Amino acid sequence: MYRVPGATALPLLAVFLIATAGHPQESSLTNHPLASDLVPGEPRFDLLLPPAYEPERTEPYPLLLWLHGGSSGEGNLERRLRPHLERAWKEGTIEHIVVVAPITGGSYVAQDRAGTVLGGGSAGGQGTLRIGLRNPEMFAAAAALEPGFPPVASFADLDLTPYGPGAMRFLQERFGNPFDVEYWRARHPPTIVIDNADRLRASGLKLLVEAGDEDANLTYLSAELLHRLLFDAAIPHEYHLVQGAAHTGRSVPRRITNVLAFFQRALRPQGPDPQAEDHLARAKQSGRYAPRVPNQLDFNTVDFRSPPP
C-alpha cells in the first residue's frame, strides 16, 4: 500500500483500488470519483501506478500529489507529467512512485510525511505553495513550477490591471464581495511566508520554486518575489530562473525532469558529503562562515532605471 497523507482530498477508495490492482509491466493510468465537498461539481482524480507495481510490497511506495494548472484538469497528468515520468523511471532519475492528480476544474482544492511530495505547475504551482507552505509538516518536499499569483507582498499593492477586467470578478468568487482580505492573506504565498517564517524555517520542508524568464504569464515575477522573501527569512529552498524558458514549449521536459530529481533527493537523502563537510569545517575554523540568519544581507537595492552616480 502506498503512503497516504492526512488530507480529506484522498478518499479511501484510492487505497482499495491500489490494494486490489494487478501487476502491470507498464505504468497504469485510471480515473476515479473523488469524495470531496471542498470544490463545486463532481471532482475526480487520476491515479498513475508505476510499471510492475506490487501491491504486496513490504516498503510503501512514495506518493506524489500533482496539481493541474488553470485548465479543467482533464488529461493533465497524461499530457503534462506522465511522458516525463516514464522517461525519468527508465533513466533512473526517480524511483517508482504512485501519482494522484485531482481533477477539480477551475477551483482550488484545499501518514507518512517522509514518503509524500507535492507539486504542480502554473495555477497548480500556486496551489502547491498554498498547501505546502500552510502545511509544511505534511510533506517531505514541494515543488512549484511557474506559480501563478500576483507578485505583491500585501493586499494594498494588489494591481489587477494586467489580468484584464474579469480578474476582480474571478477573485471575488473565491474571496468574497466585499473582499475578505484576511482570508486572501492566509492563502497568498508571499504573505504565508511573511506570517509563518519561523514555522517554515523549522519545518524541514524541502522547497523548490522555478519559472522561465520569458514566461508570457509573468510568473517569473511571482517566483522571484517568493525567492527574495524566503532568502531574507533564511528559509532553505531551491530557486531556478530558467533562461530562455516560457510558460510552455521545449523547456518544460527538462524542467520537469529537474523537479523529479529534486523529489528523489528529498525521498532518498544522500547523507553527509565528506568533501563538503571538510570544506565547511575549515571555513568555520577560519571564521569566514556563520550560519544563515534572517535578513543576513544589509543591502539597499540599486535603482537601475536611473543613471549611475
C-alpha atoms as a PDB file:
ATOM      1  CA  MET A   1       0.000   0.000   0.000  1.00  0.00           C
ATOM      2  CA  TYR A   2       1.315   3.445  -0.841  1.00  0.00           C
ATOM      3  CA  ARG A   3       1.656   6.240   1.680  1.00  0.00           C
ATOM      4  CA  VAL A   4      -1.383   8.483   2.182  1.00  0.00           C
ATOM      5  CA  PRO A   5      -1.169  11.916   3.854  1.00  0.00           C
ATOM      6  CA  GLY A   6      -3.837  13.007   6.298  1.00  0.00           C
ATOM      7  CA  ALA A   7      -5.842  15.003   3.729  1.00  0.00           C
ATOM      8  CA  THR A   8      -9.574  14.775   3.048  1.00  0.00           C
ATOM      9  CA  ALA A   9      -8.946  15.109  -0.690  1.00  0.00           C
ATOM     10  CA  LEU A  10      -7.739  11.486  -0.907  1.00  0.00           C
ATOM     11  CA  PRO A  11     -10.640   9.051  -0.378  1.00  0.00           C
ATOM     12  CA  LEU A  12     -10.227   5.566   0.989  1.00  0.00           C
ATOM     13  CA  LEU A  13     -11.425   4.355  -2.404  1.00  0.00           C
ATOM     14  CA  ALA A  14      -7.953   5.009  -3.767  1.00  0.00           C
ATOM     15  CA  VAL A  15      -6.428   2.690  -1.170  1.00  0.00           C
ATOM     16  CA  PHE A  16      -8.871  -0.056  -2.124  1.00  0.00           C
ATOM     17  CA  LEU A  17      -8.218   0.364  -5.830  1.00  0.00           C
ATOM     18  CA  ILE A  18      -4.475   0.142  -5.413  1.00  0.00           C
ATOM     19  CA  ALA A  19      -4.585  -2.746  -2.980  1.00  0.00           C
ATOM     20  CA  THR A  20      -6.629  -4.795  -5.475  1.00  0.00           C
ATOM     21  CA  ALA A  21      -4.655  -3.829  -8.572  1.00  0.00           C
ATOM     22  CA  GLY A  22      -2.734  -6.357 -10.640  1.00  0.00           C
ATOM     23  CA  HIS A  23       0.916  -6.335 -11.561  1.00  0.00           C
ATOM     24  CA  PRO A  24       1.178  -4.365 -14.818  1.00  0.00           C
ATOM     25  CA  GLN A  25       4.566  -4.314 -16.520  1.00  0.00           C
ATOM     26  CA  GLU A  26       3.760  -0.855 -17.882  1.00  0.00           C
ATOM     27  CA  SER A  27       2.516   2.102 -15.919  1.00  0.00           C
ATOM     28  CA  SER A  28      -1.241   2.166 -15.432  1.00  0.00           C
ATOM     29  CA  LEU A  29      -3.427   5.310 -15.537  1.00  0.00           C
ATOM     30  CA  THR A  30      -7.008   5.170 -14.270  1.00  0.00           C
ATOM     31  CA  ASN A  31      -9.638   7.726 -13.297  1.00  0.00           C
ATOM     32  CA  HIS A  32     -11.916   7.623 -10.241  1.00  0.00           C
ATOM     33  CA  PRO A  33     -14.533   9.672  -8.377  1.00  0.00           C
ATOM     34  CA  LEU A  34     -13.227  11.902  -5.607  1.00  0.00           C
ATOM     35  CA  ALA A  35     -15.375  12.196  -2.492  1.00  0.00           C
ATOM     36  CA  SER A  36     -14.956  15.842  -1.518  1.00  0.00           C
ATOM     37  CA  ASP A  37     -17.139  18.812  -0.632  1.00  0.00           C
ATOM     38  CA  LEU A  38     -14.223  21.244  -0.953  1.00  0.00           C
ATOM     39  CA  VAL A  39     -14.877  22.082  -4.596  1.00  0.00           C
ATOM     40  CA  PRO A  40     -18.014  22.590  -6.721  1.00  0.00           C
ATOM     41  CA  GLY A  41     -19.280  19.901  -9.038  1.00  0.00           C
ATOM     42  CA  GLU A  42     -18.127  16.299  -9.016  1.00  0.00           C
ATOM     43  CA  PRO A  43     -14.323  16.197  -8.712  1.00  0.00           C
ATOM     44  CA  ARG A  44     -12.345  13.139  -9.713  1.00  0.00           C
ATOM     45  CA  PHE A  45      -8.717  12.080  -9.637  1.00  0.00           C
ATOM     46  CA  ASP A  46      -6.288  10.364 -11.988  1.00  0.00           C
ATOM     47  CA  LEU A  47      -4.235   7.563 -10.490  1.00  0.00           C
ATOM     48  CA  LEU A  48      -0.916   6.557 -12.061  1.00  0.00           C
ATOM     49  CA  LEU A  49       0.707   3.325 -10.900  1.00  0.00           C
ATOM     50  CA  PRO A  50       4.356   2.706 -11.853  1.00  0.00           C
ATOM     51  CA  PRO A  51       5.488  -0.218 -14.005  1.00  0.00           C
ATOM     52  CA  ALA A  52       5.451  -3.624 -12.300  1.00  0.00           C
ATOM     53  CA  TYR A  53       3.506  -2.194  -9.376  1.00  0.00           C
ATOM     54  CA  GLU A  54       3.465  -4.642  -6.459  1.00  0.00           C
ATOM     55  CA  PRO A  55       0.557  -4.087  -4.040  1.00  0.00           C
ATOM     56  CA  GLU A  56       2.038  -6.565  -1.573  1.00  0.00           C
ATOM     57  CA  ARG A  57       5.438  -4.851  -1.454  1.00  0.00           C
ATOM     58  CA  THR A  58       6.716  -4.516   2.111  1.00  0.00           C
ATOM     59  CA  GLU A  59       8.116  -0.997   1.645  1.00  0.00           C
ATOM     60  CA  PRO A  60       5.361   1.521   0.791  1.00  0.00           C
ATOM     61  CA  TYR A  61       5.589   3.391  -2.494  1.00  0.00           C
ATOM     62  CA  PRO A  62       6.205   7.140  -2.207  1.00  0.00           C
ATOM     63  CA  LEU A  63       3.257   9.307  -3.192  1.00  0.00           C
ATOM     64  CA  LEU A  64       3.277  12.389  -5.428  1.00  0.00           C
ATOM     65  CA  LEU A  65       0.252  14.684  -5.320  1.00  0.00           C
ATOM     66  CA  TRP A  66       0.238  16.573  -8.639  1.00  0.00           C
ATOM     67  CA  LEU A  67      -1.941  19.682  -9.039  1.00  0.00           C
ATOM     68  CA  HIS A  68      -3.068  20.775 -12.502  1.00  0.00           C
ATOM     69  CA  GLY A  69      -2.904  24.309 -13.874  1.00  0.00           C
ATOM     70  CA  GLY A  70      -5.641  26.707 -14.877  1.00  0.00           C
ATOM     71  CA  SER A  71      -7.440  24.205 -17.140  1.00  0.00           C
ATOM     72  CA  SER A  72     -10.174  21.807 -16.021  1.00  0.00           C
ATOM     73  CA  GLY A  73      -7.506  19.239 -15.206  1.00  0.00           C
ATOM     74  CA  GLU A  74      -8.851  16.730 -17.733  1.00  0.00           C
ATOM     75  CA  GLY A  75      -5.942  14.755 -19.149  1.00  0.00           C
ATOM     76  CA  ASN A  76      -3.367  16.925 -17.388  1.00  0.00           C
ATOM     77  CA  LEU A  77      -1.500  14.022 -15.828  1.00  0.00           C
ATOM     78  CA  GLU A  78      -1.468  12.128 -19.113  1.00  0.00           C
ATOM     79  CA  ARG A  79      -0.212  15.084 -21.170  1.00  0.00           C
ATOM     80  CA  ARG A  80       1.916  17.147 -18.810  1.00  0.00           C
ATOM     81  CA  LEU A  81       3.576  14.677 -16.436  1.00  0.00           C
ATOM     82  CA  ARG A  82       3.307  11.051 -17.485  1.00  0.00           C
ATOM     83  CA  PRO A  83       5.674  11.184 -20.514  1.00  0.00           C
ATOM     84  CA  HIS A  84       8.391  12.864 -18.443  1.00  0.00           C
ATOM     85  CA  LEU A  85       7.858  10.499 -15.537  1.00  0.00           C
ATOM     86  CA  GLU A  86       8.065   7.466 -17.832  1.00  0.00           C
ATOM     87  CA  ARG A  87      11.401   8.719 -19.153  1.00  0.00           C
ATOM     88  CA  ALA A  88      12.640   9.521 -15.630  1.00  0.00           C
ATOM     89  CA  TRP A  89      11.788   5.986 -14.494  1.00  0.00           C
ATOM     90  CA  LYS A  90      13.691   4.465 -17.420  1.00  0.00           C
ATOM     91  CA  GLU A  91      16.700   6.714 -16.829  1.00  0.00           C
ATOM     92  CA  GLY A  92      16.717   6.160 -13.072  1.00  0.00           C
ATOM     93  CA  THR A  93      16.102   9.839 -12.256  1.00  0.00           C
ATOM     94  CA  ILE A  94      13.415   8.913  -9.732  1.00  0.00           C
ATOM     95  CA  GLU A  95      12.270   5.663  -8.175  1.00  0.00           C
ATOM     96  CA  HIS A  96       8.861   4.138  -8.810  1.00  0.00           C
ATOM     97  CA  ILE A  97       6.227   6.342  -7.207  1.00  0.00           C
ATOM     98  CA  VAL A  98       2.433   6.494  -7.198  1.00  0.00           C
ATOM     99  CA  VAL A  99       0.885   9.700  -8.557  1.00  0.00           C
ATOM    100  CA  VAL A 100      -2.538  11.078  -7.621  1.00  0.00           C
ATOM    101  CA  ALA A 101      -3.763  14.085  -9.615  1.00  0.00           C
ATOM    102  CA  PRO A 102      -7.079  15.689  -8.556  1.00  0.00           C
ATOM    103  CA  ILE A 103      -9.289  16.982 -11.372  1.00  0.00           C
ATOM    104  CA  THR A 104     -11.154  19.918  -9.876  1.00  0.00           C
ATOM    105  CA  GLY A 105     -11.969  22.274 -12.746  1.00  0.00           C
ATOM    106  CA  GLY A 106     -11.122  25.940 -12.221  1.00  0.00           C
ATOM    107  CA  SER A 107     -11.319  25.622  -8.452  1.00  0.00           C
ATOM    108  CA  TYR A 108      -8.754  25.466  -5.630  1.00  0.00           C
ATOM    109  CA  VAL A 109      -8.516  22.312  -3.540  1.00  0.00           C
ATOM    110  CA  ALA A 110      -7.909  22.868  -0.134  1.00  0.00           C
ATOM    111  CA  GLN A 111       0.679   9.072   7.062  1.00  0.00           C
ATOM    112  CA  ASP A 112       3.682   9.443   6.266  1.00  0.00           C
ATOM    113  CA  ARG A 113       5.415  12.711   5.582  1.00  0.00           C
ATOM    114  CA  ALA A 114       8.717  11.129   4.533  1.00  0.00           C
ATOM    115  CA  GLY A 115       7.053   9.450   1.551  1.00  0.00           C
ATOM    116  CA  THR A 116       4.759  12.233   0.355  1.00  0.00           C
ATOM    117  CA  VAL A 117       5.715  15.010  -2.060  1.00  0.00           C
ATOM    118  CA  LEU A 118       3.613  17.743  -3.661  1.00  0.00           C
ATOM    119  CA  GLY A 119       3.977  19.546  -6.965  1.00  0.00           C
ATOM    120  CA  GLY A 120       2.245  21.360  -9.792  1.00  0.00           C
ATOM    121  CA  GLY A 121       2.611  23.969 -12.500  1.00  0.00           C
ATOM    122  CA  SER A 122       1.024  27.371 -13.162  1.00  0.00           C
ATOM    123  CA  ALA A 123      -2.176  27.514 -11.092  1.00  0.00           C
ATOM    124  CA  GLY A 124      -1.080  24.131  -9.754  1.00  0.00           C
ATOM    125  CA  GLY A 125       2.181  25.773  -8.712  1.00  0.00           C
ATOM    126  CA  GLN A 126       0.200  28.333  -6.750  1.00  0.00           C
ATOM    127  CA  GLY A 127      -1.854  25.522  -5.221  1.00  0.00           C
ATOM    128  CA  THR A 128       1.323  23.682  -4.292  1.00  0.00           C
ATOM    129  CA  LEU A 129       2.572  26.742  -2.423  1.00  0.00           C
ATOM    130  CA  ARG A 130      -0.770  27.367  -0.743  1.00  0.00           C
ATOM    131  CA  ILE A 131      -0.973  23.806   0.541  1.00  0.00           C
ATOM    132  CA  GLY A 132       2.722  23.164   1.153  1.00  0.00           C
ATOM    133  CA  LEU A 133       3.519  26.450   2.899  1.00  0.00           C
ATOM    134  CA  ARG A 134       0.443  26.200   5.115  1.00  0.00           C
ATOM    135  CA  ASN A 135       1.078  22.521   5.961  1.00  0.00           C
ATOM    136  CA  PRO A 136       4.874  22.140   5.793  1.00  0.00           C
ATOM    137  CA  GLU A 137       4.954  19.238   8.257  1.00  0.00           C
ATOM    138  CA  MET A 138       2.804  17.060   5.961  1.00  0.00           C
ATOM    139  CA  PHE A 139       5.240  16.815   3.048  1.00  0.00           C
ATOM    140  CA  ALA A 140       8.833  15.797   2.519  1.00  0.00           C
ATOM    141  CA  ALA A 141       9.064  18.227  -0.400  1.00  0.00           C
ATOM    142  CA  ALA A 142       7.033  20.647  -2.511  1.00  0.00           C
ATOM    143  CA  ALA A 143       7.896  21.927  -5.989  1.00  0.00           C
ATOM    144  CA  ALA A 144       6.109  24.869  -7.609  1.00  0.00           C
ATOM    145  CA  LEU A 145       6.692  25.305 -11.339  1.00  0.00           C
ATOM    146  CA  GLU A 146       5.869  28.715 -12.838  1.00  0.00           C
ATOM    147  CA  PRO A 147       3.465  29.518  -9.976  1.00  0.00           C
ATOM    148  CA  GLY A 148       0.741  31.970 -10.922  1.00  0.00           C
ATOM    149  CA  PHE A 149      -0.146  34.544  -8.277  1.00  0.00           C
ATOM    150  CA  PRO A 150       0.033  38.362  -8.118  1.00  0.00           C
ATOM    151  CA  PRO A 151       3.641  39.377  -7.262  1.00  0.00           C
ATOM    152  CA  VAL A 152       2.769  41.539  -4.260  1.00  0.00           C
ATOM    153  CA  ALA A 153       3.562  41.254  -0.555  1.00  0.00           C
ATOM    154  CA  SER A 154       0.388  42.948   0.679  1.00  0.00           C
ATOM    155  CA  PHE A 155      -3.214  43.366  -0.423  1.00  0.00           C
ATOM    156  CA  ALA A 156      -2.742  47.137  -0.633  1.00  0.00           C
ATOM    157  CA  ASP A 157      -0.278  46.594  -3.513  1.00  0.00           C
ATOM    158  CA  LEU A 158      -2.600  44.325  -5.498  1.00  0.00           C
ATOM    159  CA  ASP A 159      -2.974  45.622  -9.064  1.00  0.00           C
ATOM    160  CA  LEU A 160      -5.259  43.538 -11.239  1.00  0.00           C
ATOM    161  CA  THR A 161      -4.941  45.743 -14.333  1.00  0.00           C
ATOM    162  CA  PRO A 162      -2.584  43.385 -16.242  1.00  0.00           C
ATOM    163  CA  TYR A 163      -5.007  40.486 -15.733  1.00  0.00           C
ATOM    164  CA  GLY A 164      -7.978  42.065 -17.524  1.00  0.00           C
ATOM    165  CA  PRO A 165     -11.443  43.237 -16.487  1.00  0.00           C
ATOM    166  CA  GLY A 166     -12.578  39.813 -15.312  1.00  0.00           C
ATOM    167  CA  ALA A 167      -9.818  39.397 -12.747  1.00  0.00           C
ATOM    168  CA  MET A 168     -11.635  41.050  -9.836  1.00  0.00           C
ATOM    169  CA  ARG A 169     -14.758  39.029 -10.520  1.00  0.00           C
ATOM    170  CA  PHE A 170     -12.640  35.869 -10.606  1.00  0.00           C
ATOM    171  CA  LEU A 171     -11.117  36.706  -7.221  1.00  0.00           C
ATOM    172  CA  GLN A 172     -14.413  37.784  -5.688  1.00  0.00           C
ATOM    173  CA  GLU A 173     -15.846  34.360  -6.477  1.00  0.00           C
ATOM    174  CA  ARG A 174     -13.101  32.920  -4.283  1.00  0.00           C
ATOM    175  CA  PHE A 175     -12.503  35.614  -1.667  1.00  0.00           C
ATOM    176  CA  GLY A 176     -15.909  37.238  -1.331  1.00  0.00           C
ATOM    177  CA  ASN A 177     -17.541  40.533  -2.237  1.00  0.00           C
ATOM    178  CA  PRO A 178     -16.658  42.638  -0.349  1.00  0.00           C
ATOM    179  CA  PHE A 179     -13.200  41.133  -0.472  1.00  0.00           C
ATOM    180  CA  ASP A 180     -12.132  39.137   2.622  1.00  0.00           C
ATOM    181  CA  VAL A 181      -8.605  40.499   2.969  1.00  0.00           C
ATOM    182  CA  GLU A 182      -7.605  38.241   5.872  1.00  0.00           C
ATOM    183  CA  TYR A 183      -8.792  35.138   4.044  1.00  0.00           C
ATOM    184  CA  TRP A 184      -6.792  36.244   0.983  1.00  0.00           C
ATOM    185  CA  ARG A 185      -3.705  36.953   3.088  1.00  0.00           C
ATOM    186  CA  ALA A 186      -3.831  33.483   4.659  1.00  0.00           C
ATOM    187  CA  ARG A 187      -3.763  31.901   1.168  1.00  0.00           C
ATOM    188  CA  HIS A 188      -1.423  34.217  -0.757  1.00  0.00           C
ATOM    189  CA  PRO A 189       2.020  32.531  -0.975  1.00  0.00           C
ATOM    190  CA  PRO A 190       4.163  35.628  -0.208  1.00  0.00           C
ATOM    191  CA  THR A 191       2.111  36.556   2.861  1.00  0.00           C
ATOM    192  CA  ILE A 192       2.059  32.938   4.036  1.00  0.00           C
ATOM    193  CA  VAL A 193       5.860  33.154   4.141  1.00  0.00           C
ATOM    194  CA  ILE A 194       5.810  36.546   5.887  1.00  0.00           C
ATOM    195  CA  ASP A 195       3.314  35.401   8.513  1.00  0.00           C
ATOM    196  CA  ASN A 196       4.803  31.933   9.122  1.00  0.00           C
ATOM    197  CA  ALA A 197       8.545  32.381   8.652  1.00  0.00           C
ATOM    198  CA  ASP A 198       9.584  30.764  11.945  1.00  0.00           C
ATOM    199  CA  ARG A 199       7.400  27.715  11.373  1.00  0.00           C
ATOM    200  CA  LEU A 200       8.594  27.257   7.804  1.00  0.00           C
ATOM    201  CA  ARG A 201      12.228  27.654   8.801  1.00  0.00           C
ATOM    202  CA  ALA A 202      11.878  24.972  11.468  1.00  0.00           C
ATOM    203  CA  SER A 203       9.716  22.584   9.441  1.00  0.00           C
ATOM    204  CA  GLY A 204      12.431  20.978   7.339  1.00  0.00           C
ATOM    205  CA  LEU A 205      10.229  21.148   4.225  1.00  0.00           C
ATOM    206  CA  LYS A 206      12.323  20.863   1.085  1.00  0.00           C
ATOM    207  CA  LEU A 207      11.030  23.508  -1.295  1.00  0.00           C
ATOM    208  CA  LEU A 208      11.705  24.268  -4.961  1.00  0.00           C
ATOM    209  CA  VAL A 209      10.376  27.322  -6.813  1.00  0.00           C
ATOM    210  CA  GLU A 210      11.067  27.876 -10.509  1.00  0.00           C
ATOM    211  CA  ALA A 211       9.934  29.891 -13.518  1.00  0.00           C
ATOM    212  CA  GLY A 212      11.085  30.784 -17.011  1.00  0.00           C
ATOM    213  CA  ASP A 213      12.401  34.291 -17.646  1.00  0.00           C
ATOM    214  CA  GLU A 214      10.367  34.541 -20.882  1.00  0.00           C
ATOM    215  CA  ASP A 215       7.068  33.389 -19.385  1.00  0.00           C
ATOM    216  CA  ALA A 216       4.309  35.446 -21.044  1.00  0.00           C
ATOM    217  CA  ASN A 217       2.201  34.948 -17.898  1.00  0.00           C
ATOM    218  CA  LEU A 218       4.899  36.821 -15.918  1.00  0.00           C
ATOM    219  CA  THR A 219       5.222  34.057 -13.336  1.00  0.00           C
ATOM    220  CA  TYR A 220       8.928  34.871 -13.053  1.00  0.00           C
ATOM    221  CA  LEU A 221       7.913  37.992 -11.115  1.00  0.00           C
ATOM    222  CA  SER A 222       5.951  35.880  -8.644  1.00  0.00           C
ATOM    223  CA  ALA A 223       8.712  33.298  -8.285  1.00  0.00           C
ATOM    224  CA  GLU A 224      11.376  35.987  -7.810  1.00  0.00           C
ATOM    225  CA  LEU A 225       9.368  37.740  -5.090  1.00  0.00           C
ATOM    226  CA  LEU A 226       8.861  34.485  -3.232  1.00  0.00           C
ATOM    227  CA  HIS A 227      12.563  33.647  -3.529  1.00  0.00           C
ATOM    228  CA  ARG A 228      13.561  37.014  -2.061  1.00  0.00           C
ATOM    229  CA  LEU A 229      11.186  36.574   0.864  1.00  0.00           C
ATOM    230  CA  LEU A 230      12.384  33.020   1.518  1.00  0.00           C
ATOM    231  CA  PHE A 231      16.025  34.103   1.302  1.00  0.00           C
ATOM    232  CA  ASP A 232      15.566  37.064   3.642  1.00  0.00           C
ATOM    233  CA  ALA A 233      13.694  34.831   6.091  1.00  0.00           C
ATOM    234  CA  ALA A 234      16.565  32.280   5.996  1.00  0.00           C
ATOM    235  CA  ILE A 235      14.134  29.548   4.880  1.00  0.00           C
ATOM    236  CA  PRO A 236      16.048  26.858   2.941  1.00  0.00           C
ATOM    237  CA  HIS A 237      14.855  26.384  -0.638  1.00  0.00           C
ATOM    238  CA  GLU A 238      15.951  25.880  -4.225  1.00  0.00           C
ATOM    239  CA  TYR A 239      15.220  28.564  -6.793  1.00  0.00           C
ATOM    240  CA  HIS A 240      15.611  28.392 -10.561  1.00  0.00           C
ATOM    241  CA  LEU A 241      15.049  31.237 -13.002  1.00  0.00           C
ATOM    242  CA  VAL A 242      15.357  29.314 -16.251  1.00  0.00           C
ATOM    243  CA  GLN A 243      16.928  31.370 -19.018  1.00  0.00           C
ATOM    244  CA  GLY A 244      15.051  31.430 -22.306  1.00  0.00           C
ATOM    245  CA  ALA A 245      12.160  29.383 -20.911  1.00  0.00           C
ATOM    246  CA  ALA A 246       8.481  30.161 -21.468  1.00  0.00           C
ATOM    247  CA  HIS A 247       5.249  29.004 -19.820  1.00  0.00           C
ATOM    248  CA  THR A 248       5.030  26.122 -22.293  1.00  0.00           C
ATOM    249  CA  GLY A 249       7.255  24.690 -25.001  1.00  0.00           C
ATOM    250  CA  ARG A 250      10.558  22.887 -25.262  1.00  0.00           C
ATOM    251  CA  SER A 251      11.935  23.929 -21.879  1.00  0.00           C
ATOM    252  CA  VAL A 252       9.214  22.060 -19.977  1.00  0.00           C
ATOM    253  CA  PRO A 253      10.591  18.474 -20.270  1.00  0.00           C
ATOM    254  CA  ARG A 254      13.986  19.296 -18.781  1.00  0.00           C
ATOM    255  CA  ARG A 255      12.405  21.417 -16.068  1.00  0.00           C
ATOM    256  CA  ILE A 256      10.043  18.615 -15.016  1.00  0.00           C
ATOM    257  CA  THR A 257      12.967  16.187 -15.065  1.00  0.00           C
ATOM    258  CA  ASN A 258      14.789  18.540 -12.706  1.00  0.00           C
ATOM    259  CA  VAL A 259      11.748  18.591 -10.402  1.00  0.00           C
ATOM    260  CA  LEU A 260      11.565  14.797 -10.362  1.00  0.00           C
ATOM    261  CA  ALA A 261      15.271  14.619  -9.486  1.00  0.00           C
ATOM    262  CA  PHE A 262      14.579  17.108  -6.672  1.00  0.00           C
ATOM    263  CA  PHE A 263      11.817  14.839  -5.367  1.00  0.00           C
ATOM    264  CA  GLN A 264      14.176  11.859  -5.464  1.00  0.00           C
ATOM    265  CA  ARG A 265      16.753  13.710  -3.370  1.00  0.00           C
ATOM    266  CA  ALA A 266      14.035  14.528  -0.851  1.00  0.00           C
ATOM    267  CA  LEU A 267      12.719  10.959  -0.743  1.00  0.00           C
ATOM    268  CA  ARG A 268      16.178   9.372  -0.507  1.00  0.00           C
ATOM    269  CA  PRO A 269      18.599  11.814   1.154  1.00  0.00           C
ATOM    270  CA  GLN A 270      22.164  11.014   0.171  1.00  0.00           C
ATOM    271  CA  GLY A 271      23.618  11.616   3.616  1.00  0.00           C
ATOM    272  CA  PRO A 272      26.779  13.525   4.535  1.00  0.00           C
ATOM    273  CA  ASP A 273      29.198  14.618   1.825  1.00  0.00           C
ATOM    274  CA  PRO A 274      32.709  14.212   3.308  1.00  0.00           C
ATOM    275  CA  GLN A 275      34.349  16.689   0.915  1.00  0.00           C
ATOM    276  CA  ALA A 276      31.708  19.345   1.542  1.00  0.00           C
ATOM    277  CA  GLU A 277      31.814  18.759   5.308  1.00  0.00           C
ATOM    278  CA  ASP A 278      35.600  19.184   5.334  1.00  0.00           C
ATOM    279  CA  HIS A 279      35.338  22.438   3.388  1.00  0.00           C
ATOM    280  CA  LEU A 280      32.664  23.727   5.777  1.00  0.00           C
ATOM    281  CA  ALA A 281      34.698  22.779   8.824  1.00  0.00           C
ATOM    282  CA  ARG A 282      37.698  24.711   7.557  1.00  0.00           C
ATOM    283  CA  ALA A 283      35.516  27.725   6.766  1.00  0.00           C
ATOM    284  CA  LYS A 284      34.145  27.705  10.324  1.00  0.00           C
ATOM    285  CA  GLN A 285      37.625  27.365  11.759  1.00  0.00           C
ATOM    286  CA  SER A 286      38.860  30.358   9.780  1.00  0.00           C
ATOM    287  CA  GLY A 287      35.888  32.441  10.900  1.00  0.00           C
ATOM    288  CA  ARG A 288      34.594  33.218   7.420  1.00  0.00           C
ATOM    289  CA  TYR A 289      31.415  31.166   7.835  1.00  0.00           C
ATOM    290  CA  ALA A 290      28.411  31.745  10.078  1.00  0.00           C
ATOM    291  CA  PRO A 291      25.002  30.033   9.931  1.00  0.00           C
ATOM    292  CA  ARG A 292      22.339  31.783   7.870  1.00  0.00           C
ATOM    293  CA  VAL A 293      20.093  34.180   9.729  1.00  0.00           C
ATOM    294  CA  PRO A 294      17.087  36.276   8.652  1.00  0.00           C
ATOM    295  CA  ASN A 295      17.917  39.492   6.785  1.00  0.00           C
ATOM    296  CA  GLN A 296      21.539  38.454   6.520  1.00  0.00           C
ATOM    297  CA  LEU A 297      22.289  40.904   3.702  1.00  0.00           C
ATOM    298  CA  ASP A 298      22.245  44.569   4.657  1.00  0.00           C
ATOM    299  CA  PHE A 299      21.642  45.826   1.151  1.00  0.00           C
ATOM    300  CA  ASN A 300      19.664  48.651  -0.410  1.00  0.00           C
ATOM    301  CA  THR A 301      18.710  47.690  -3.934  1.00  0.00           C
ATOM    302  CA  VAL A 302      20.044  49.707  -6.864  1.00  0.00           C
ATOM    303  CA  ASP A 303      17.549  51.624  -8.991  1.00  0.00           C
ATOM    304  CA  PHE A 304      18.534  50.532 -12.484  1.00  0.00           C
ATOM    305  CA  ARG A 305      16.026  52.924 -14.013  1.00  0.00           C
ATOM    306  CA  SER A 306      18.309  55.814 -13.017  1.00  0.00           C
ATOM    307  CA  PRO A 307      21.811  56.537 -14.355  1.00  0.00           C
ATOM    308  CA  PRO A 308      24.661  55.524 -12.028  1.00  0.00           C
ATOM    309  CA  PRO A 309      26.070  58.298  -9.840  1.00  0.00           C
END
